[in-house]
Amino acid sequence: MLRHALRRLLWTLPTLLGVSLLTFFVLSFVPDPTDDPLLATSLSSAELARLRRERFLDLPRFLNMKPRDVRLRALAAAQAIAAGGEDAAAAAAELRRLGGAALPHLLPALDGFAPEPRTRVALALAPVAARMGLPRAEEAADPAHAVAFWARFWDDRGIEFRSASVRSAVRRLVRYGSASRAAELHEVDTFALQPVLAALQPPRDAATLERARALADVAAHVTEIDDRIGPGDDLEAARACVTRWKSFWNVYRSDFEVFTGPTRIAATVLDTRYGKWALGAVTHRLGVAATGEPVLDELARRAPITLTLVFGAIALAYAVAVPLGALSAASRGRRSDSAIAAAVLTLAVLPIAVVAVAAVLLSGGGASLLLPTSILALGLIAAPTRQQRAALVAVLTQDFVRAARARGAGTARAIVVHGLRNAVLPVVTLAVLEPPMALGGAFVVERVFELHGLGELTLLAVQARDVSWLMAISIVAAGIAALGVIATDLAYVLIDPRLGPAVLSRRSDA
C-alpha cells in the first residue's frame, strides 16, 4: 500500500504541471487592469508600458521564438537614434537604462554608422558615462569628442567587461564591503547586475545585513532605482528590499543578459509569460502577492484558517450526516424519514451568507473558529445524508443482511455491523469532492466573520488579476485534490480490507 501511495504521489507532479498550464492559459484571457481605458488616460505611455512589462503582457504566453536580449535591444535603440525622428528620444532613454550591459555590443558597432549618426549614438551614452563615474566623463557629452571618448574607453577598459572579472569584483565587495570595491562595480555599470543580484540574498544577521546593503546600493546606483536598505532598517525591511530586487530581476533580466547557445534555447520557454511566472515561483517563493509579501509566506500565514474551516466543516458535516442517513434508511417510509429529508434540504438551501450574518449579530463575533466552521458545515450535510441513505437502503436489501436478520440480528446491529461497512464507501468517495465546493463557502464565512484567510487575498487577486496568487491557489487546490484521491484509496482498504487488491490493481492500471 505504501508503494501504491508513493506512486500516486509521483503522478501528482505531472498532474500539477498540467493544472498550472491550463490555469495559466485561462487566466491569460482575463482582461488586465492595464487595459482599462480610464487607467490608460491617467498614466503616461511610459508608465503604462512599465506596468504591462511588469505583468509580462509584452511576452507571448508559452513559446517565444524571438527572445530579445541586451544585444538586440541595444542595437535596435542605436538604429533608432541614428535614424532620428520621433523615436530617438525614447531610444536614448533605453540606452541609458541598458547602460554598461549594452557597451560590449554597441561600442564595437559604432564604426558601422555614418559620422553624424555615430555622433548621435555616442552622445546618447553620455548619461551612462556620468553614472559610471568615468574620468573626463564630460567629453562624452561633447559632440566633438564623444566618439573618440568611447573609442578610447573601449580600447583601455574593454577587458574589464568580462563575466569572470565582474564576479571577482562582487566577491571582493561581499568580503570587504569598502567604497572602493563598490566603485569597481559602478565602473562597469549594469554589466554587473547579474552577479550582484545573484549574490544578493535575504539577510539573516547583522553581518549578512551589511552585505545585502552594499549589494543593494550597487544595484540602485547602476539602475537609478532608489530602492536601498537604509542605515536604520531592520532584518524584515531588508528582506523586503531583497524581495523587490529579486522581482525586478525576474522581470528585466533579459534586458541585461546575452542569449547564446543553450541560454537562447532556454529563453524560448523562460522568456514567456508562463516561463516568467514559473521561474519566479521556483526562485522567489511562488512570487509576490498583492500585499508585497512572498506568496508562499502569505499562504503559510493564511492557509491554516481556511483549511481549518474547510476540513473542520467537512468532518463535522459528515459526522452528523452518516448517522442521519443511517436513521433515515432505517425509518424509510415513515414520518421521521420525511422529517430528516426536509431538515437537511432546508439546511442546503439556506444561504451561507445570511446564516453567517445572523450568527454574527446574535453572537457578537469572536476569535473562535468553531462557530464559522459549524455554519459552513450546515450547508454540507444534505449531500452525504442523502448518499448515505440511498447506499444503505440498497445494502439492507442484500442477501447477507437478510441472513443476519434471520439469525436474530436486530435492526441496529444489521445497520452498524453489516450495512455501514459497505454503504459508507460511496460517502467516502463523495467526501473527496467536498473541499472545492466548501472552499467558496469558506471565503464567504471568512468575509462575514472578518477572518484573514485565503478568501481575503483571493478576492483582491481577482480584482487586480494577481496571477501569482491565483496560480498558487489553483495548484494548492489541485494538490489537495490529489492527496484526497490517495486518502480515498487508503480509506477503502481500511474500511474493507477485501477491496485492497481491487483498489491497488485499478489505481495502478489507471
Protein backbone atom coordinates (compact mmCIF):
# COMPACT_ATOMS: atom_id res chain seq x y z
CA MET A 1 0.00 0.00 0.00
CA LEU A 2 2.89 2.36 0.77
CA ARG A 3 4.37 1.73 -2.67
CA HIS A 4 0.99 2.49 -4.21
CA ALA A 5 0.73 5.77 -2.28
CA LEU A 6 4.25 6.82 -3.32
CA ARG A 7 3.46 6.00 -6.95
CA ARG A 8 0.34 8.10 -6.77
CA LEU A 9 2.31 10.97 -5.20
CA LEU A 10 4.79 10.89 -8.08
CA TRP A 11 1.93 11.01 -10.56
CA THR A 12 0.69 14.21 -8.94
CA LEU A 13 3.72 16.09 -10.29
CA PRO A 14 2.71 15.92 -13.99
CA THR A 15 -0.87 16.48 -12.86
CA LEU A 16 0.09 19.73 -11.13
CA LEU A 17 2.09 20.79 -14.19
CA GLY A 18 -0.94 20.22 -16.39
CA VAL A 19 -3.16 22.13 -13.96
CA SER A 20 -0.73 25.06 -13.94
CA LEU A 21 -0.60 25.17 -17.75
CA LEU A 22 -4.38 25.03 -18.10
CA THR A 23 -4.98 27.58 -15.34
CA PHE A 24 -2.39 29.98 -16.76
CA PHE A 25 -3.90 29.64 -20.23
CA VAL A 26 -7.36 30.52 -18.92
CA LEU A 27 -6.06 33.43 -16.82
CA SER A 28 -4.19 34.86 -19.81
CA PHE A 29 -7.54 35.66 -21.45
CA VAL A 30 -8.88 37.57 -18.45
CA PRO A 31 -8.80 41.35 -19.17
CA ASP A 32 -5.89 43.00 -17.40
CA PRO A 33 -6.42 46.18 -15.34
CA THR A 34 -3.85 47.93 -17.56
CA ASP A 35 -6.28 47.52 -20.48
CA ASP A 36 -8.80 49.78 -18.73
CA PRO A 37 -9.27 52.95 -20.85
CA LEU A 38 -9.59 55.07 -17.69
CA LEU A 39 -6.21 53.85 -16.48
CA ALA A 40 -4.67 54.43 -19.88
CA THR A 41 -5.77 58.08 -19.84
CA SER A 42 -4.49 58.66 -16.29
CA LEU A 43 -0.98 57.29 -16.93
CA SER A 44 1.72 58.28 -19.36
CA SER A 45 2.67 55.89 -22.13
CA ALA A 46 5.95 55.11 -20.36
CA GLU A 47 4.20 54.29 -17.07
CA LEU A 48 1.63 52.15 -18.86
CA ALA A 49 4.38 50.30 -20.73
CA ARG A 50 6.19 49.68 -17.45
CA LEU A 51 3.04 48.24 -15.85
CA ARG A 52 2.44 45.98 -18.82
CA ARG A 53 6.07 44.89 -18.77
CA GLU A 54 5.96 44.03 -15.09
CA ARG A 55 2.88 41.90 -15.78
CA PHE A 56 4.71 40.23 -18.71
CA LEU A 57 2.00 41.33 -21.13
CA ASP A 58 4.66 42.16 -23.72
CA LEU A 59 5.62 38.48 -23.95
CA PRO A 60 3.94 35.52 -25.69
CA ARG A 61 2.13 33.04 -23.48
CA PHE A 62 4.13 29.80 -23.73
CA LEU A 63 6.68 29.98 -26.56
CA ASN A 64 8.93 32.87 -27.61
CA MET A 65 10.67 32.16 -30.91
CA LYS A 66 12.41 35.58 -30.95
CA PRO A 67 13.59 36.37 -27.42
CA ARG A 68 15.16 39.81 -27.12
CA ASP A 69 18.37 40.15 -25.12
CA VAL A 70 20.54 43.17 -24.35
CA ARG A 71 22.37 42.93 -27.67
CA LEU A 72 19.20 43.14 -29.77
CA ARG A 73 17.75 45.88 -27.59
CA ALA A 74 20.93 47.99 -27.66
CA LEU A 75 21.42 47.73 -31.43
CA ALA A 76 17.74 48.48 -32.08
CA ALA A 77 17.96 51.58 -29.87
CA ALA A 78 21.15 52.68 -31.63
CA GLN A 79 19.50 52.30 -35.02
CA ALA A 80 16.54 54.42 -33.86
CA ILE A 81 18.89 57.15 -32.58
CA ALA A 82 20.89 57.09 -35.80
CA ALA A 83 17.75 57.42 -37.88
CA GLY A 84 16.48 60.36 -35.79
CA GLY A 85 12.77 61.12 -35.75
CA GLU A 86 10.16 60.75 -33.03
CA ASP A 87 11.58 57.53 -31.57
CA ALA A 88 15.08 58.90 -31.00
CA ALA A 89 14.38 60.30 -27.52
CA ALA A 90 12.80 57.04 -26.31
CA ALA A 91 15.72 55.09 -27.79
CA ALA A 92 18.23 57.32 -25.96
CA ALA A 93 16.36 56.66 -22.69
CA GLU A 94 16.52 52.95 -23.49
CA LEU A 95 20.31 53.10 -23.95
CA ARG A 96 20.64 54.91 -20.64
CA ARG A 97 18.59 52.18 -18.95
CA LEU A 98 20.59 49.37 -20.53
CA GLY A 99 23.80 51.11 -19.52
CA GLY A 100 27.06 49.22 -19.24
CA ALA A 101 25.46 45.92 -20.24
CA ALA A 102 24.98 47.35 -23.75
CA LEU A 103 28.53 48.66 -24.20
CA PRO A 104 30.20 45.36 -25.27
CA HIS A 105 27.72 45.13 -28.15
CA LEU A 106 27.28 48.79 -29.00
CA LEU A 107 30.78 50.29 -28.89
CA PRO A 108 32.37 47.82 -31.36
CA ALA A 109 29.44 48.54 -33.73
CA LEU A 110 29.87 52.33 -33.71
CA ASP A 111 32.21 52.23 -36.70
CA GLY A 112 29.38 50.82 -38.77
CA PHE A 113 27.43 54.09 -38.56
CA ALA A 114 27.93 57.18 -40.70
CA PRO A 115 29.78 60.03 -38.93
CA GLU A 116 26.75 62.09 -37.93
CA PRO A 117 24.58 59.18 -36.71
CA ARG A 118 27.64 57.78 -34.91
CA THR A 119 27.97 61.04 -33.01
CA ARG A 120 24.31 60.99 -32.03
CA VAL A 121 24.65 57.45 -30.67
CA ALA A 122 27.81 58.34 -28.75
CA LEU A 123 26.15 61.41 -27.25
CA ALA A 124 23.21 59.26 -26.10
CA LEU A 125 25.68 57.34 -23.93
CA ALA A 126 26.80 60.47 -22.05
CA PRO A 127 24.48 59.79 -19.03
CA VAL A 128 25.97 56.29 -18.79
CA ALA A 129 29.50 57.71 -18.63
CA ALA A 130 28.47 60.10 -15.86
CA ARG A 131 26.77 57.31 -13.90
CA MET A 132 29.84 55.10 -14.22
CA GLY A 133 31.99 57.89 -12.78
CA LEU A 134 34.50 57.71 -15.64
CA PRO A 135 37.40 60.18 -15.76
CA ARG A 136 36.77 63.10 -18.13
CA ALA A 137 33.14 61.97 -18.49
CA GLU A 138 32.21 65.48 -19.64
CA GLU A 139 33.81 64.66 -23.01
CA ALA A 140 31.07 62.08 -23.63
CA ALA A 141 28.58 64.98 -23.79
CA ASP A 142 30.74 66.97 -26.25
CA PRO A 143 29.83 66.32 -29.92
CA ALA A 144 33.44 66.94 -30.93
CA HIS A 145 34.90 64.36 -28.53
CA ALA A 146 32.11 61.84 -27.75
CA VAL A 147 33.05 59.25 -30.38
CA ALA A 148 36.77 59.45 -29.53
CA PHE A 149 35.96 59.24 -25.81
CA TRP A 150 34.09 55.93 -26.20
CA ALA A 151 36.67 54.52 -28.62
CA ARG A 152 39.45 55.29 -26.14
CA PHE A 153 37.40 53.89 -23.27
CA TRP A 154 36.80 50.60 -25.03
CA ASP A 155 40.44 50.23 -26.00
CA ASP A 156 41.55 50.84 -22.41
CA ARG A 157 38.76 49.26 -20.37
CA GLY A 158 37.04 46.75 -22.63
CA ILE A 159 38.89 43.87 -21.00
CA GLU A 160 37.09 44.64 -17.71
CA PHE A 161 33.77 43.72 -19.29
CA ARG A 162 34.25 40.01 -18.68
CA SER A 163 31.93 37.92 -16.55
CA ALA A 164 34.77 36.35 -14.55
CA SER A 165 36.25 39.77 -13.72
CA VAL A 166 32.93 41.15 -12.53
CA ARG A 167 32.20 38.06 -10.41
CA SER A 168 35.57 38.51 -8.71
CA ALA A 169 34.75 42.18 -8.04
CA VAL A 170 31.41 41.16 -6.48
CA ARG A 171 33.15 38.63 -4.24
CA ARG A 172 35.58 41.30 -3.10
CA LEU A 173 32.70 43.64 -2.30
CA VAL A 174 30.91 40.93 -0.33
CA ARG A 175 34.07 40.12 1.59
CA TYR A 176 35.41 43.61 2.32
CA GLY A 177 32.46 45.92 1.66
CA SER A 178 34.57 49.03 1.06
CA ALA A 179 33.61 52.02 -1.09
CA SER A 180 36.48 51.31 -3.49
CA ARG A 181 35.11 47.82 -4.14
CA ALA A 182 31.70 49.29 -4.90
CA ALA A 183 33.33 51.83 -7.24
CA GLU A 184 34.80 48.94 -9.26
CA LEU A 185 31.28 47.74 -9.96
CA HIS A 186 30.00 51.24 -10.68
CA GLU A 187 32.56 51.47 -13.47
CA VAL A 188 31.03 48.52 -15.33
CA ASP A 189 27.51 49.73 -14.53
CA THR A 190 24.61 47.39 -15.37
CA PHE A 191 27.04 44.79 -16.73
CA ALA A 192 27.47 43.85 -13.04
CA LEU A 193 23.76 43.36 -12.33
CA GLN A 194 23.65 39.60 -12.85
CA PRO A 195 26.39 38.66 -10.32
CA VAL A 196 25.30 41.44 -7.93
CA LEU A 197 21.70 40.27 -7.75
CA ALA A 198 22.77 36.63 -7.66
CA ALA A 199 24.84 37.43 -4.56
CA LEU A 200 22.03 39.50 -3.00
CA GLN A 201 20.29 37.19 -0.54
CA PRO A 202 17.87 37.84 2.33
CA PRO A 203 19.97 38.75 5.40
CA ARG A 204 19.93 36.56 8.47
CA ASP A 205 22.04 38.59 10.90
CA ALA A 206 23.99 41.83 11.20
CA ALA A 207 26.88 40.65 9.01
CA THR A 208 24.69 39.48 6.14
CA LEU A 209 22.62 42.67 6.53
CA GLU A 210 25.70 44.77 5.73
CA ARG A 211 26.49 42.62 2.70
CA ALA A 212 22.93 42.94 1.42
CA ARG A 213 23.05 46.71 1.99
CA ALA A 214 26.25 47.05 -0.05
CA LEU A 215 24.91 44.96 -2.93
CA ALA A 216 21.53 46.75 -2.94
CA ASP A 217 23.37 50.09 -3.07
CA VAL A 218 25.26 48.97 -6.19
CA ALA A 219 22.05 47.76 -7.86
CA ALA A 220 20.27 51.01 -7.00
CA HIS A 221 23.16 53.09 -8.38
CA VAL A 222 23.54 51.35 -11.73
CA THR A 223 19.79 51.09 -12.41
CA GLU A 224 18.91 54.54 -10.99
CA ILE A 225 16.15 52.89 -8.95
CA ASP A 226 16.28 54.31 -5.45
CA ASP A 227 15.48 51.14 -3.53
CA ARG A 228 18.12 50.67 -0.84
CA ILE A 229 18.48 49.18 2.62
CA GLY A 230 18.65 52.21 4.88
CA PRO A 231 21.06 52.54 7.81
CA GLY A 232 18.24 52.09 10.33
CA ASP A 233 16.39 49.28 8.54
CA ASP A 234 15.89 46.02 10.43
CA LEU A 235 16.10 42.50 9.02
CA GLU A 236 12.44 42.46 7.97
CA ALA A 237 12.75 45.68 5.96
CA ALA A 238 15.99 44.42 4.43
CA ARG A 239 14.38 41.16 3.35
CA ALA A 240 11.52 43.09 1.76
CA CYS A 241 14.05 45.15 -0.21
CA VAL A 242 15.82 41.99 -1.37
CA THR A 243 12.47 40.53 -2.46
CA ARG A 244 11.74 43.63 -4.53
CA TRP A 245 15.12 43.37 -6.26
CA LYS A 246 14.56 39.69 -7.00
CA SER A 247 11.18 40.54 -8.52
CA PHE A 248 12.81 43.29 -10.59
CA TRP A 249 15.39 40.82 -11.91
CA ASN A 250 12.73 38.30 -12.80
CA VAL A 251 11.05 40.94 -14.98
CA TYR A 252 14.05 42.69 -16.53
CA ARG A 253 16.77 40.05 -16.56
CA SER A 254 16.74 39.60 -20.33
CA ASP A 255 17.43 43.35 -20.75
CA PHE A 256 20.90 42.96 -19.27
CA GLU A 257 21.99 39.49 -20.42
CA VAL A 258 23.01 37.94 -23.73
CA PHE A 259 21.32 34.84 -25.09
CA THR A 260 23.85 32.49 -26.65
CA GLY A 261 23.57 28.77 -27.37
CA PRO A 262 21.72 26.94 -24.59
CA THR A 263 20.55 30.18 -22.97
CA ARG A 264 18.83 31.22 -26.19
CA ILE A 265 17.09 27.85 -26.39
CA ALA A 266 16.02 28.15 -22.75
CA ALA A 267 14.80 31.71 -23.38
CA THR A 268 12.26 30.45 -25.92
CA VAL A 269 10.43 28.91 -22.94
CA LEU A 270 11.57 31.02 -19.97
CA ASP A 271 11.18 34.40 -21.67
CA THR A 272 7.41 33.95 -21.89
CA ARG A 273 4.54 34.81 -19.58
CA TYR A 274 4.33 31.27 -18.25
CA GLY A 275 8.11 30.91 -18.07
CA LYS A 276 8.47 34.14 -16.09
CA TRP A 277 5.78 33.05 -13.68
CA ALA A 278 7.26 29.56 -13.27
CA LEU A 279 10.80 30.90 -12.75
CA GLY A 280 9.56 33.40 -10.20
CA ALA A 281 7.56 30.70 -8.44
CA VAL A 282 10.59 28.41 -8.16
CA THR A 283 13.17 31.03 -7.19
CA HIS A 284 11.12 33.65 -5.33
CA ARG A 285 8.78 31.72 -3.03
CA LEU A 286 5.92 31.46 -5.55
CA GLY A 287 6.18 35.15 -6.48
CA VAL A 288 4.92 38.26 -4.72
CA ALA A 289 1.32 38.67 -3.53
CA ALA A 290 -0.74 41.87 -3.67
CA THR A 291 0.37 42.64 -0.10
CA GLY A 292 4.00 42.80 -1.21
CA GLU A 293 4.88 39.65 0.73
CA PRO A 294 6.04 36.41 -0.91
CA VAL A 295 3.09 34.25 -1.91
CA LEU A 296 4.46 31.26 0.00
CA ASP A 297 4.67 33.29 3.21
CA GLU A 298 1.11 34.55 2.79
CA LEU A 299 -0.10 31.01 2.11
CA ALA A 300 1.63 29.74 5.23
CA ARG A 301 0.06 32.55 7.26
CA ARG A 302 -3.49 32.36 5.89
CA ALA A 303 -3.99 28.75 4.80
CA PRO A 304 -4.39 27.30 8.34
CA ILE A 305 -7.52 29.42 8.87
CA THR A 306 -9.14 28.46 5.59
CA LEU A 307 -8.14 24.79 5.75
CA THR A 308 -9.41 24.55 9.31
CA LEU A 309 -12.75 25.93 8.16
CA VAL A 310 -12.97 23.66 5.12
CA PHE A 311 -11.87 20.34 6.61
CA GLY A 312 -13.38 21.05 10.01
CA ALA A 313 -16.73 21.75 8.35
CA ILE A 314 -16.47 18.60 6.21
CA ALA A 315 -15.60 16.45 9.24
CA LEU A 316 -18.43 17.95 11.28
CA ALA A 317 -20.94 17.64 8.44
CA TYR A 318 -20.12 14.00 7.77
CA ALA A 319 -20.10 13.17 11.46
CA VAL A 320 -23.72 14.33 11.52
CA ALA A 321 -24.69 13.12 8.03
CA VAL A 322 -23.70 9.45 8.40
CA PRO A 323 -25.91 8.79 11.47
CA LEU A 324 -28.72 10.85 9.93
CA GLY A 325 -28.51 8.88 6.71
CA ALA A 326 -28.50 5.60 8.60
CA LEU A 327 -31.50 6.70 10.69
CA SER A 328 -33.33 7.82 7.56
CA ALA A 329 -32.64 4.47 5.85
CA ALA A 330 -33.80 2.55 8.90
CA SER A 331 -37.04 4.53 9.07
CA ARG A 332 -37.71 4.85 5.37
CA GLY A 333 -41.33 5.49 4.53
CA ARG A 334 -42.07 6.88 7.99
CA ARG A 335 -42.55 10.42 9.19
CA SER A 336 -39.09 10.54 10.71
CA ASP A 337 -37.62 9.82 7.25
CA SER A 338 -39.58 12.71 5.77
CA ALA A 339 -38.62 14.99 8.65
CA ILE A 340 -34.93 14.25 8.18
CA ALA A 341 -35.19 14.87 4.44
CA ALA A 342 -36.97 18.18 4.98
CA ALA A 343 -34.44 19.28 7.60
CA VAL A 344 -31.32 18.58 5.54
CA LEU A 345 -32.82 20.10 2.40
CA THR A 346 -33.72 23.22 4.35
CA LEU A 347 -30.13 23.49 5.55
CA ALA A 348 -28.91 23.02 1.98
CA VAL A 349 -30.97 25.88 0.52
CA LEU A 350 -30.22 28.37 3.29
CA PRO A 351 -27.71 30.95 2.01
CA ILE A 352 -24.49 30.65 3.99
CA ALA A 353 -24.01 34.41 3.93
CA VAL A 354 -27.41 35.03 5.54
CA VAL A 355 -26.83 32.42 8.24
CA ALA A 356 -23.34 33.78 8.91
CA VAL A 357 -24.56 37.38 9.21
CA ALA A 358 -27.32 36.31 11.58
CA ALA A 359 -24.83 34.35 13.67
CA VAL A 360 -22.51 37.35 13.91
CA LEU A 361 -25.35 39.59 15.01
CA LEU A 362 -26.53 37.12 17.65
CA SER A 363 -23.13 36.09 18.95
CA GLY A 364 -21.24 39.35 18.57
CA GLY A 365 -18.47 37.63 16.64
CA GLY A 366 -15.43 36.22 18.37
CA ALA A 367 -11.99 34.82 17.70
CA SER A 368 -13.04 31.15 17.81
CA LEU A 369 -13.34 29.18 14.56
CA LEU A 370 -15.97 26.84 15.99
CA LEU A 371 -18.98 28.98 15.07
CA PRO A 372 -17.95 29.75 11.47
CA THR A 373 -16.95 26.11 10.98
CA SER A 374 -20.36 24.96 12.22
CA ILE A 375 -22.15 27.39 9.91
CA LEU A 376 -20.16 26.17 6.91
CA ALA A 377 -20.95 22.57 7.88
CA LEU A 378 -24.71 23.23 7.77
CA GLY A 379 -24.69 23.55 4.00
CA LEU A 380 -22.65 20.35 3.57
CA ILE A 381 -24.89 17.95 5.48
CA ALA A 382 -27.56 17.32 2.81
CA ALA A 383 -25.47 15.57 0.13
CA PRO A 384 -23.77 12.95 2.33
CA THR A 385 -27.02 12.33 4.22
CA ARG A 386 -28.91 11.51 1.02
CA GLN A 387 -25.96 9.50 -0.30
CA GLN A 388 -25.69 7.52 2.92
CA ARG A 389 -29.42 6.83 2.96
CA ALA A 390 -29.51 5.66 -0.67
CA ALA A 391 -26.45 3.43 -0.25
CA LEU A 392 -27.68 1.91 2.99
CA VAL A 393 -31.18 1.25 1.63
CA ALA A 394 -29.57 -0.68 -1.23
CA VAL A 395 -27.32 -2.64 1.14
CA LEU A 396 -30.14 -3.53 3.51
CA THR A 397 -31.87 -5.42 0.70
CA GLN A 398 -28.83 -7.63 0.10
CA ASP A 399 -28.93 -11.34 0.99
CA PHE A 400 -26.17 -11.18 3.64
CA VAL A 401 -28.16 -8.57 5.61
CA ARG A 402 -31.36 -10.61 5.33
CA ALA A 403 -29.43 -13.64 6.54
CA ALA A 404 -28.14 -11.71 9.53
CA ARG A 405 -31.66 -10.57 10.36
CA ALA A 406 -32.89 -14.15 10.04
CA ARG A 407 -30.23 -15.28 12.53
CA GLY A 408 -31.64 -12.84 15.08
CA ALA A 409 -29.68 -9.66 14.48
CA GLY A 410 -31.64 -6.52 15.33
CA THR A 411 -32.10 -3.57 13.02
CA ALA A 412 -29.37 -1.52 14.71
CA ARG A 413 -26.86 -4.39 14.54
CA ALA A 414 -27.72 -5.13 10.92
CA ILE A 415 -27.14 -1.50 10.02
CA VAL A 416 -23.99 -0.84 12.06
CA VAL A 417 -22.19 -4.18 11.75
CA HIS A 418 -23.33 -5.45 8.37
CA GLY A 419 -24.61 -2.44 6.44
CA LEU A 420 -22.42 0.57 7.10
CA ARG A 421 -19.15 -1.05 6.05
CA ASN A 422 -20.45 -1.41 2.52
CA ALA A 423 -22.76 1.60 2.47
CA VAL A 424 -20.17 4.12 3.70
CA LEU A 425 -17.86 3.66 0.70
CA PRO A 426 -19.88 5.94 -1.64
CA VAL A 427 -19.94 8.54 1.13
CA VAL A 428 -16.14 8.40 1.36
CA THR A 429 -15.97 8.97 -2.39
CA LEU A 430 -18.31 11.95 -2.09
CA ALA A 431 -16.14 13.43 0.66
CA VAL A 432 -13.23 13.77 -1.79
CA LEU A 433 -15.35 16.12 -3.90
CA GLU A 434 -16.32 18.36 -1.00
CA PRO A 435 -13.19 20.57 -0.47
CA PRO A 436 -13.50 22.55 -3.75
CA MET A 437 -17.20 23.15 -3.09
CA ALA A 438 -16.61 24.03 0.56
CA LEU A 439 -13.85 26.47 -0.36
CA GLY A 440 -16.27 29.00 -1.85
CA GLY A 441 -18.42 28.86 1.25
CA ALA A 442 -15.32 29.27 3.42
CA PHE A 443 -14.46 32.50 1.59
CA VAL A 444 -17.95 33.85 2.36
CA VAL A 445 -17.70 32.88 6.03
CA GLU A 446 -14.25 34.45 6.30
CA ARG A 447 -15.60 37.68 4.90
CA VAL A 448 -18.54 37.81 7.30
CA PHE A 449 -16.51 36.90 10.39
CA GLU A 450 -13.56 39.07 9.29
CA LEU A 451 -11.16 36.15 9.29
CA HIS A 452 -7.90 36.78 7.46
CA GLY A 453 -7.77 33.56 5.48
CA LEU A 454 -7.20 32.81 1.81
CA GLY A 455 -10.50 34.37 0.72
CA GLU A 456 -9.48 37.95 1.51
CA LEU A 457 -6.40 37.87 -0.71
CA THR A 458 -8.10 35.79 -3.38
CA LEU A 459 -10.77 38.45 -3.88
CA LEU A 460 -8.08 41.12 -4.13
CA ALA A 461 -6.15 38.96 -6.59
CA VAL A 462 -9.22 38.56 -8.79
CA GLN A 463 -9.73 42.33 -8.86
CA ALA A 464 -6.07 43.07 -9.62
CA ARG A 465 -5.52 39.95 -11.73
CA ASP A 466 -2.68 38.83 -9.49
CA VAL A 467 -1.56 35.78 -11.47
CA SER A 468 0.98 34.64 -8.87
CA TRP A 469 -1.64 34.31 -6.13
CA LEU A 470 -4.34 32.80 -8.33
CA MET A 471 -1.90 30.25 -9.73
CA ALA A 472 -0.75 29.34 -6.23
CA ILE A 473 -4.34 28.83 -5.07
CA SER A 474 -5.07 26.68 -8.12
CA ILE A 475 -2.02 24.48 -7.60
CA VAL A 476 -2.65 24.12 -3.86
CA ALA A 477 -6.25 23.10 -4.57
CA ALA A 478 -5.10 20.57 -7.17
CA GLY A 479 -2.53 19.20 -4.73
CA ILE A 480 -5.18 18.79 -2.02
CA ALA A 481 -7.46 17.04 -4.51
CA ALA A 482 -4.65 14.65 -5.48
CA LEU A 483 -3.94 13.87 -1.84
CA GLY A 484 -7.66 13.33 -1.36
CA VAL A 485 -7.65 10.62 -4.03
CA ILE A 486 -4.79 8.85 -2.27
CA ALA A 487 -6.61 9.17 1.06
CA THR A 488 -9.72 7.66 -0.55
CA ASP A 489 -7.77 4.59 -1.64
CA LEU A 490 -6.39 4.17 1.88
CA ALA A 491 -9.86 4.61 3.38
CA TYR A 492 -11.30 1.94 1.07
CA VAL A 493 -8.70 -0.57 2.21
CA LEU A 494 -9.10 0.33 5.89
CA ILE A 495 -12.89 0.11 5.79
CA ASP A 496 -12.95 -3.15 3.84
CA PRO A 497 -9.56 -4.94 3.52
CA ARG A 498 -11.09 -7.26 0.92
CA LEU A 499 -11.04 -4.31 -1.53
CA GLY A 500 -7.26 -3.92 -1.24
CA PRO A 501 -6.26 -5.97 -4.31
CA ALA A 502 -9.00 -4.44 -6.45
CA VAL A 503 -8.14 -0.87 -5.43
CA LEU A 504 -4.41 -1.34 -5.97
CA SER A 505 -4.81 -3.01 -9.35
CA ARG A 506 -7.40 -0.48 -10.54
CA ARG A 507 -5.36 2.52 -9.48
CA SER A 508 -2.14 1.05 -10.88
CA ASP A 509 -3.74 0.37 -14.24
CA ALA A 510 -5.10 3.90 -14.29
